[in-house]
N, C-alpha and C. Protein backbone atom coordinates (compact mmCIF):
# COMPACT_ATOMS: atom_id res chain seq x y z
N MET A 1 0.81 -1.18 0.00
CA MET A 1 0.00 0.00 0.00
C MET A 1 0.86 1.24 0.00
N ASP A 2 0.31 2.20 -0.66
CA ASP A 2 1.00 3.48 -0.70
C ASP A 2 0.68 4.24 0.58
N SER A 3 1.68 4.92 1.08
CA SER A 3 1.42 5.73 2.27
C SER A 3 0.75 7.04 1.85
N PRO A 4 -0.23 7.45 2.58
CA PRO A 4 -0.92 8.68 2.19
C PRO A 4 0.03 9.87 2.37
N VAL A 5 -0.11 10.80 1.47
CA VAL A 5 0.71 12.02 1.51
C VAL A 5 0.08 12.96 2.55
N PRO A 6 0.90 13.40 3.51
CA PRO A 6 0.32 14.29 4.52
C PRO A 6 -0.06 15.63 3.88
N PRO A 7 -1.13 16.21 4.32
CA PRO A 7 -1.54 17.49 3.74
C PRO A 7 -0.52 18.58 4.07
N ARG A 8 -0.33 19.49 3.12
CA ARG A 8 0.59 20.60 3.34
C ARG A 8 -0.04 21.61 4.29
N PRO A 9 0.78 22.15 5.17
CA PRO A 9 0.21 23.17 6.05
C PRO A 9 -0.19 24.39 5.23
N ALA A 10 -1.29 24.97 5.61
CA ALA A 10 -1.78 26.14 4.88
C ALA A 10 -0.85 27.32 5.11
N GLN A 11 -0.56 28.03 4.04
CA GLN A 11 0.27 29.22 4.13
C GLN A 11 -0.60 30.36 4.68
N PRO A 12 -0.06 31.12 5.61
CA PRO A 12 -0.86 32.25 6.09
C PRO A 12 -1.04 33.28 4.98
N ARG A 13 -2.24 33.76 4.87
CA ARG A 13 -2.52 34.76 3.85
C ARG A 13 -2.01 36.12 4.29
N ILE A 14 -1.57 36.89 3.35
CA ILE A 14 -1.16 38.26 3.63
C ILE A 14 -2.41 39.11 3.67
N ARG A 15 -2.60 39.79 4.78
CA ARG A 15 -3.80 40.61 4.93
C ARG A 15 -3.45 42.05 4.60
N ARG A 16 -4.11 42.55 3.62
CA ARG A 16 -3.88 43.93 3.24
C ARG A 16 -4.93 44.86 3.83
N ARG A 17 -6.02 44.31 4.29
CA ARG A 17 -7.11 45.08 4.88
C ARG A 17 -7.73 44.28 6.01
N ASP A 18 -8.59 44.95 6.75
CA ASP A 18 -9.33 44.18 7.74
C ASP A 18 -10.43 43.40 7.01
N ARG A 19 -11.12 42.55 7.68
CA ARG A 19 -12.02 41.61 7.01
C ARG A 19 -13.23 42.26 6.38
N HIS A 20 -13.55 43.50 6.72
CA HIS A 20 -14.72 44.13 6.15
C HIS A 20 -14.37 45.10 5.02
N GLY A 21 -13.10 45.18 4.66
CA GLY A 21 -12.71 45.99 3.53
C GLY A 21 -12.67 47.49 3.77
N ARG A 22 -12.57 47.90 5.04
CA ARG A 22 -12.54 49.34 5.32
C ARG A 22 -11.14 49.86 5.60
N GLY A 23 -10.13 49.09 5.36
CA GLY A 23 -8.76 49.55 5.58
C GLY A 23 -8.23 49.13 6.94
N MET A 24 -6.97 49.45 7.18
CA MET A 24 -6.33 49.08 8.43
C MET A 24 -6.88 49.93 9.57
N ARG A 25 -6.91 49.34 10.73
CA ARG A 25 -7.39 50.06 11.90
C ARG A 25 -6.29 50.95 12.44
N GLY A 26 -6.69 52.07 12.99
CA GLY A 26 -5.75 53.01 13.58
C GLY A 26 -5.75 52.90 15.09
N PRO A 27 -5.08 53.83 15.75
CA PRO A 27 -5.07 53.80 17.22
C PRO A 27 -6.46 54.06 17.78
N ILE A 28 -6.68 53.60 19.00
CA ILE A 28 -7.98 53.78 19.64
C ILE A 28 -8.27 55.25 19.87
N ALA A 29 -7.26 55.98 20.31
CA ALA A 29 -7.44 57.41 20.59
C ALA A 29 -6.21 58.17 20.12
N PRO A 30 -6.40 59.38 19.63
CA PRO A 30 -5.23 60.17 19.25
C PRO A 30 -4.39 60.54 20.48
N PRO A 31 -3.12 60.88 20.28
CA PRO A 31 -2.23 61.12 21.43
C PRO A 31 -2.67 62.25 22.36
N GLN A 32 -3.40 63.25 21.86
CA GLN A 32 -3.77 64.38 22.71
C GLN A 32 -4.97 64.09 23.60
N VAL A 33 -5.61 62.94 23.43
CA VAL A 33 -6.77 62.58 24.23
C VAL A 33 -6.28 61.93 25.53
N PRO A 34 -6.89 62.25 26.68
CA PRO A 34 -6.42 61.71 27.96
C PRO A 34 -6.37 60.19 28.03
N LEU A 35 -7.08 59.48 27.18
CA LEU A 35 -7.05 58.03 27.20
C LEU A 35 -5.64 57.49 26.97
N SER A 36 -4.84 58.23 26.19
CA SER A 36 -3.51 57.74 25.86
C SER A 36 -2.45 58.21 26.85
N VAL A 37 -2.84 58.89 27.92
CA VAL A 37 -1.89 59.35 28.94
C VAL A 37 -1.75 58.25 29.98
N THR A 38 -0.51 57.86 30.27
CA THR A 38 -0.29 56.82 31.26
C THR A 38 -0.51 57.37 32.67
N ARG A 39 -0.65 56.48 33.63
CA ARG A 39 -0.80 56.91 35.02
C ARG A 39 0.43 57.66 35.49
N ALA A 40 1.60 57.20 35.08
CA ALA A 40 2.85 57.87 35.48
C ALA A 40 2.91 59.28 34.91
N ASP A 41 2.52 59.45 33.64
CA ASP A 41 2.52 60.78 33.03
C ASP A 41 1.51 61.70 33.71
N ALA A 42 0.35 61.17 34.03
CA ALA A 42 -0.67 61.98 34.72
C ALA A 42 -0.17 62.41 36.09
N PHE A 43 0.57 61.53 36.78
CA PHE A 43 1.11 61.87 38.09
C PHE A 43 2.15 62.97 37.98
N VAL A 44 3.03 62.86 37.00
CA VAL A 44 4.05 63.90 36.78
C VAL A 44 3.37 65.24 36.50
N ASP A 45 2.30 65.21 35.72
CA ASP A 45 1.54 66.44 35.45
C ASP A 45 0.99 67.05 36.73
N LEU A 46 0.51 66.23 37.66
CA LEU A 46 0.00 66.73 38.93
C LEU A 46 1.10 67.41 39.73
N VAL A 47 2.29 66.79 39.76
CA VAL A 47 3.42 67.38 40.49
C VAL A 47 3.81 68.72 39.87
N TYR A 48 3.90 68.77 38.55
CA TYR A 48 4.28 70.02 37.89
C TYR A 48 3.21 71.09 38.03
N ASP A 49 1.94 70.71 38.06
CA ASP A 49 0.87 71.68 38.30
C ASP A 49 1.02 72.31 39.68
N SER A 50 1.31 71.48 40.68
CA SER A 50 1.52 72.01 42.03
C SER A 50 2.74 72.91 42.09
N ARG A 51 3.81 72.50 41.44
CA ARG A 51 5.01 73.32 41.39
C ARG A 51 4.72 74.67 40.76
N ASP A 52 4.01 74.68 39.63
CA ASP A 52 3.69 75.93 38.94
C ASP A 52 2.82 76.83 39.81
N ARG A 53 1.89 76.23 40.53
CA ARG A 53 1.01 76.99 41.42
C ARG A 53 1.81 77.67 42.53
N LEU A 54 2.79 76.95 43.09
CA LEU A 54 3.60 77.51 44.17
C LEU A 54 4.67 78.48 43.65
N GLU A 55 5.12 78.25 42.43
CA GLU A 55 6.18 79.09 41.86
C GLU A 55 5.72 80.53 41.68
N ARG A 56 4.43 80.75 41.47
CA ARG A 56 3.91 82.12 41.34
C ARG A 56 4.12 82.90 42.63
N ARG A 57 4.00 82.21 43.75
CA ARG A 57 4.18 82.87 45.05
C ARG A 57 5.62 82.84 45.53
N TRP A 58 6.35 81.80 45.17
CA TRP A 58 7.73 81.61 45.60
C TRP A 58 8.63 81.46 44.36
N PRO A 59 9.06 82.57 43.75
CA PRO A 59 9.85 82.50 42.51
C PRO A 59 11.16 81.72 42.65
N GLN A 60 11.71 81.61 43.85
CA GLN A 60 12.96 80.87 44.03
C GLN A 60 12.81 79.38 43.74
N LEU A 61 11.58 78.90 43.62
CA LEU A 61 11.37 77.48 43.28
C LEU A 61 11.78 77.17 41.84
N SER A 62 11.99 78.20 41.02
CA SER A 62 12.46 77.94 39.65
C SER A 62 13.89 77.39 39.67
N GLN A 63 14.58 77.53 40.80
CA GLN A 63 15.94 77.00 40.94
C GLN A 63 15.97 75.63 41.62
N VAL A 64 14.80 75.03 41.78
CA VAL A 64 14.69 73.72 42.43
C VAL A 64 14.21 72.70 41.39
N ASP A 65 14.84 71.53 41.38
CA ASP A 65 14.42 70.46 40.49
C ASP A 65 13.36 69.60 41.19
N PHE A 66 12.27 69.32 40.49
CA PHE A 66 11.22 68.46 41.02
C PHE A 66 11.29 67.13 40.27
N LEU A 67 11.41 66.05 41.03
CA LEU A 67 11.55 64.72 40.44
C LEU A 67 10.43 63.81 40.93
N VAL A 68 10.06 62.86 40.10
CA VAL A 68 9.10 61.83 40.49
C VAL A 68 9.79 60.49 40.36
N LEU A 69 9.82 59.73 41.45
CA LEU A 69 10.35 58.37 41.44
C LEU A 69 9.22 57.42 41.81
N GLU A 70 9.36 56.18 41.39
CA GLU A 70 8.33 55.18 41.67
C GLU A 70 8.17 54.92 43.17
N VAL A 71 9.28 54.56 43.82
CA VAL A 71 9.25 54.22 45.24
C VAL A 71 10.52 54.75 45.91
N PRO A 72 10.51 54.91 47.22
CA PRO A 72 11.72 55.35 47.92
C PRO A 72 12.85 54.34 47.77
N GLY A 73 14.06 54.85 47.72
CA GLY A 73 15.23 53.98 47.63
C GLY A 73 15.62 53.57 46.24
N THR A 74 15.03 54.20 45.19
CA THR A 74 15.35 53.80 43.82
C THR A 74 16.17 54.84 43.07
N GLY A 75 16.44 55.99 43.68
CA GLY A 75 17.17 57.05 42.98
C GLY A 75 18.66 56.81 42.99
N PRO A 76 19.40 57.53 42.15
CA PRO A 76 20.85 57.33 42.06
C PRO A 76 21.59 57.72 43.33
N ASP A 77 21.06 58.67 44.11
CA ASP A 77 21.75 59.11 45.32
C ASP A 77 21.17 58.49 46.58
N GLU A 78 20.30 57.52 46.42
CA GLU A 78 19.65 56.91 47.56
C GLU A 78 20.13 55.48 47.76
N GLY A 79 20.68 55.23 48.91
CA GLY A 79 21.08 53.88 49.25
C GLY A 79 19.91 53.15 49.87
N PRO A 80 20.13 51.94 50.33
CA PRO A 80 19.04 51.17 50.93
C PRO A 80 18.51 51.81 52.21
N ASP A 81 19.33 52.60 52.91
CA ASP A 81 18.87 53.21 54.15
C ASP A 81 18.74 54.73 54.02
N ALA A 82 18.42 55.22 52.82
CA ALA A 82 18.31 56.66 52.59
C ALA A 82 17.15 57.27 53.36
N ALA A 83 16.12 56.51 53.60
CA ALA A 83 14.96 57.03 54.33
C ALA A 83 15.22 57.04 55.84
N GLY A 84 16.34 56.53 56.27
CA GLY A 84 16.64 56.52 57.69
C GLY A 84 15.91 55.41 58.40
N ASP A 85 15.57 55.67 59.66
CA ASP A 85 14.89 54.66 60.46
C ASP A 85 13.39 54.89 60.52
N GLU A 86 12.83 55.54 59.52
CA GLU A 86 11.40 55.81 59.51
C GLU A 86 10.62 54.51 59.39
N GLU A 87 9.52 54.44 60.14
CA GLU A 87 8.68 53.26 60.05
C GLU A 87 7.67 53.39 58.93
N ALA A 88 7.21 54.61 58.66
CA ALA A 88 6.24 54.84 57.60
C ALA A 88 6.98 55.08 56.27
N VAL A 89 6.32 54.74 55.19
CA VAL A 89 6.90 54.95 53.87
C VAL A 89 6.77 56.44 53.53
N PRO A 90 7.86 57.11 53.18
CA PRO A 90 7.77 58.54 52.87
C PRO A 90 7.06 58.78 51.53
N LEU A 91 6.35 59.90 51.46
CA LEU A 91 5.68 60.28 50.21
C LEU A 91 6.55 61.20 49.38
N GLY A 92 7.53 61.81 50.01
CA GLY A 92 8.44 62.70 49.30
C GLY A 92 9.61 63.05 50.19
N ARG A 93 10.60 63.71 49.61
CA ARG A 93 11.74 64.15 50.41
C ARG A 93 12.47 65.27 49.71
N VAL A 94 13.27 65.98 50.49
CA VAL A 94 14.09 67.07 49.97
C VAL A 94 15.53 66.57 49.93
N VAL A 95 16.19 66.79 48.79
CA VAL A 95 17.59 66.46 48.65
C VAL A 95 18.34 67.78 48.48
N PRO A 96 19.13 68.18 49.50
CA PRO A 96 19.83 69.46 49.41
C PRO A 96 20.85 69.47 48.27
N ALA A 97 21.16 70.66 47.81
CA ALA A 97 22.13 70.83 46.73
C ALA A 97 23.49 70.28 47.17
N ALA A 98 24.11 69.51 46.28
CA ALA A 98 25.43 68.94 46.56
C ALA A 98 25.99 68.36 45.27
N GLY A 99 27.29 68.38 45.14
CA GLY A 99 27.95 67.74 44.01
C GLY A 99 27.55 68.28 42.65
N GLY A 100 27.31 69.57 42.55
CA GLY A 100 26.95 70.15 41.26
C GLY A 100 25.47 70.07 40.94
N TYR A 101 24.68 69.45 41.80
CA TYR A 101 23.23 69.38 41.60
C TYR A 101 22.55 70.49 42.39
N ARG A 102 21.41 70.94 41.87
CA ARG A 102 20.61 71.93 42.59
C ARG A 102 19.79 71.22 43.66
N ASP A 103 19.12 72.02 44.49
CA ASP A 103 18.17 71.43 45.44
C ASP A 103 17.13 70.63 44.66
N ARG A 104 16.74 69.50 45.22
CA ARG A 104 15.74 68.66 44.55
C ARG A 104 14.65 68.27 45.53
N ILE A 105 13.44 68.25 44.99
CA ILE A 105 12.30 67.74 45.73
C ILE A 105 11.83 66.50 45.00
N VAL A 106 11.79 65.39 45.72
CA VAL A 106 11.43 64.10 45.13
C VAL A 106 10.07 63.69 45.68
N ILE A 107 9.16 63.34 44.76
CA ILE A 107 7.85 62.84 45.15
C ILE A 107 7.77 61.38 44.70
N TYR A 108 7.33 60.51 45.59
CA TYR A 108 7.25 59.08 45.28
C TYR A 108 5.84 58.73 44.81
N ARG A 109 5.74 58.26 43.59
CA ARG A 109 4.45 58.04 42.94
C ARG A 109 3.64 56.91 43.57
N ARG A 110 4.22 55.74 43.71
CA ARG A 110 3.45 54.58 44.18
C ARG A 110 2.89 54.75 45.59
N PRO A 111 3.66 55.24 46.56
CA PRO A 111 3.07 55.44 47.89
C PRO A 111 1.91 56.44 47.89
N VAL A 112 2.00 57.46 47.05
CA VAL A 112 0.91 58.44 46.97
C VAL A 112 -0.31 57.80 46.32
N GLU A 113 -0.11 57.06 45.24
CA GLU A 113 -1.23 56.42 44.54
C GLU A 113 -1.95 55.41 45.43
N ILE A 114 -1.20 54.70 46.24
CA ILE A 114 -1.80 53.68 47.11
C ILE A 114 -2.72 54.33 48.15
N ARG A 115 -2.40 55.53 48.57
CA ARG A 115 -3.17 56.21 49.61
C ARG A 115 -4.38 56.98 49.08
N THR A 116 -4.59 56.98 47.77
CA THR A 116 -5.70 57.73 47.20
C THR A 116 -6.59 56.82 46.37
N LYS A 117 -7.85 57.24 46.20
CA LYS A 117 -8.80 56.43 45.44
C LYS A 117 -9.06 56.96 44.04
N GLY A 118 -9.08 58.27 43.89
CA GLY A 118 -9.40 58.85 42.58
C GLY A 118 -8.45 59.97 42.22
N ARG A 119 -8.65 60.50 41.01
CA ARG A 119 -7.77 61.56 40.52
C ARG A 119 -7.84 62.82 41.36
N ASP A 120 -9.03 63.22 41.79
CA ASP A 120 -9.17 64.44 42.59
C ASP A 120 -8.47 64.30 43.94
N GLU A 121 -8.69 63.17 44.58
CA GLU A 121 -8.04 62.91 45.87
C GLU A 121 -6.52 62.85 45.69
N ARG A 122 -6.07 62.24 44.60
CA ARG A 122 -4.64 62.15 44.32
C ARG A 122 -4.05 63.54 44.10
N ALA A 123 -4.76 64.41 43.38
CA ALA A 123 -4.27 65.76 43.11
C ALA A 123 -4.11 66.53 44.43
N LEU A 124 -5.06 66.37 45.34
CA LEU A 124 -4.96 67.06 46.64
C LEU A 124 -3.78 66.55 47.45
N LEU A 125 -3.59 65.23 47.48
CA LEU A 125 -2.48 64.67 48.25
C LEU A 125 -1.14 65.06 47.64
N VAL A 126 -1.04 65.03 46.31
CA VAL A 126 0.21 65.44 45.65
C VAL A 126 0.53 66.88 46.01
N HIS A 127 -0.46 67.75 45.96
CA HIS A 127 -0.21 69.16 46.28
C HIS A 127 0.23 69.31 47.73
N ASP A 128 -0.42 68.60 48.65
CA ASP A 128 -0.02 68.67 50.06
C ASP A 128 1.41 68.19 50.26
N VAL A 129 1.78 67.11 49.59
CA VAL A 129 3.14 66.59 49.72
C VAL A 129 4.15 67.59 49.15
N VAL A 130 3.84 68.18 48.00
CA VAL A 130 4.73 69.18 47.41
C VAL A 130 4.87 70.37 48.34
N VAL A 131 3.77 70.84 48.92
CA VAL A 131 3.81 71.97 49.85
C VAL A 131 4.67 71.62 51.07
N GLU A 132 4.51 70.42 51.60
CA GLU A 132 5.31 70.01 52.77
C GLU A 132 6.79 70.00 52.44
N GLN A 133 7.15 69.50 51.27
CA GLN A 133 8.56 69.43 50.91
C GLN A 133 9.14 70.82 50.63
N VAL A 134 8.35 71.68 50.00
CA VAL A 134 8.80 73.06 49.77
C VAL A 134 8.98 73.77 51.11
N ALA A 135 8.06 73.56 52.04
CA ALA A 135 8.16 74.17 53.36
C ALA A 135 9.43 73.71 54.07
N GLU A 136 9.73 72.42 53.97
CA GLU A 136 10.95 71.90 54.57
C GLU A 136 12.18 72.52 53.93
N LEU A 137 12.17 72.66 52.63
CA LEU A 137 13.31 73.24 51.92
C LEU A 137 13.52 74.71 52.30
N LEU A 138 12.41 75.46 52.41
CA LEU A 138 12.50 76.89 52.72
C LEU A 138 12.59 77.17 54.22
N GLY A 139 12.37 76.15 55.04
CA GLY A 139 12.42 76.33 56.49
C GLY A 139 11.20 77.07 57.02
N LEU A 140 10.06 76.86 56.41
CA LEU A 140 8.82 77.53 56.79
C LEU A 140 7.76 76.50 57.18
N ALA A 141 6.67 76.99 57.72
CA ALA A 141 5.52 76.13 57.99
C ALA A 141 4.75 75.92 56.69
N PRO A 142 4.16 74.75 56.48
CA PRO A 142 3.39 74.52 55.25
C PRO A 142 2.27 75.54 55.03
N GLU A 143 1.65 76.01 56.11
CA GLU A 143 0.57 76.99 55.98
C GLU A 143 1.06 78.32 55.43
N SER A 144 2.34 78.65 55.68
CA SER A 144 2.87 79.91 55.14
C SER A 144 3.30 79.74 53.68
N VAL A 145 3.60 78.52 53.26
CA VAL A 145 3.95 78.28 51.86
C VAL A 145 2.68 78.35 51.01
N ASP A 146 1.62 77.71 51.47
CA ASP A 146 0.32 77.76 50.78
C ASP A 146 -0.76 77.89 51.84
N PRO A 147 -1.43 79.06 51.90
CA PRO A 147 -2.46 79.25 52.94
C PRO A 147 -3.59 78.23 52.87
N ARG A 148 -3.82 77.61 51.74
CA ARG A 148 -4.89 76.62 51.62
C ARG A 148 -4.42 75.20 51.98
N TYR A 149 -3.22 75.05 52.49
CA TYR A 149 -2.70 73.74 52.85
C TYR A 149 -3.59 73.05 53.88
N GLY A 150 -3.97 71.82 53.59
CA GLY A 150 -4.77 71.02 54.51
C GLY A 150 -6.23 71.38 54.59
N GLN A 151 -6.68 72.39 53.86
CA GLN A 151 -8.09 72.81 53.94
C GLN A 151 -8.95 72.18 52.88
N GLU A 152 -8.38 71.71 51.81
CA GLU A 152 -9.15 71.21 50.68
C GLU A 152 -9.57 69.78 50.88
């Protein structure tokens, strides 16, 4: 008996269009629509909005770098014990000018996000953390940096 010839595997067809003939599909949303903004980008925007709001009252903040890191202990100048002996996870910190770097205010994204439920609540907490860090940097009380601190 002759052995049957195994069937040839089907070659995948080259698709030039989608199955309904209306052309290739594009992105779900254009880049300028908020749908395409990542959570990290939205968080950075919140930090910069707070910085801009405070910079109008405190022009010296234009000489301060504002950074966003995911979690404490991940920056280039932070060792495993950079937060010290704190029991609570910090939401931000001030890094004084040193080694050719300007003063820096670091806000930690993940600890802030975990403590908030929505965008509005997150915006308020980010602003409070930025105000607290600016107050620490300037040696002032948070209420004198922003009179609305803690009221919203």
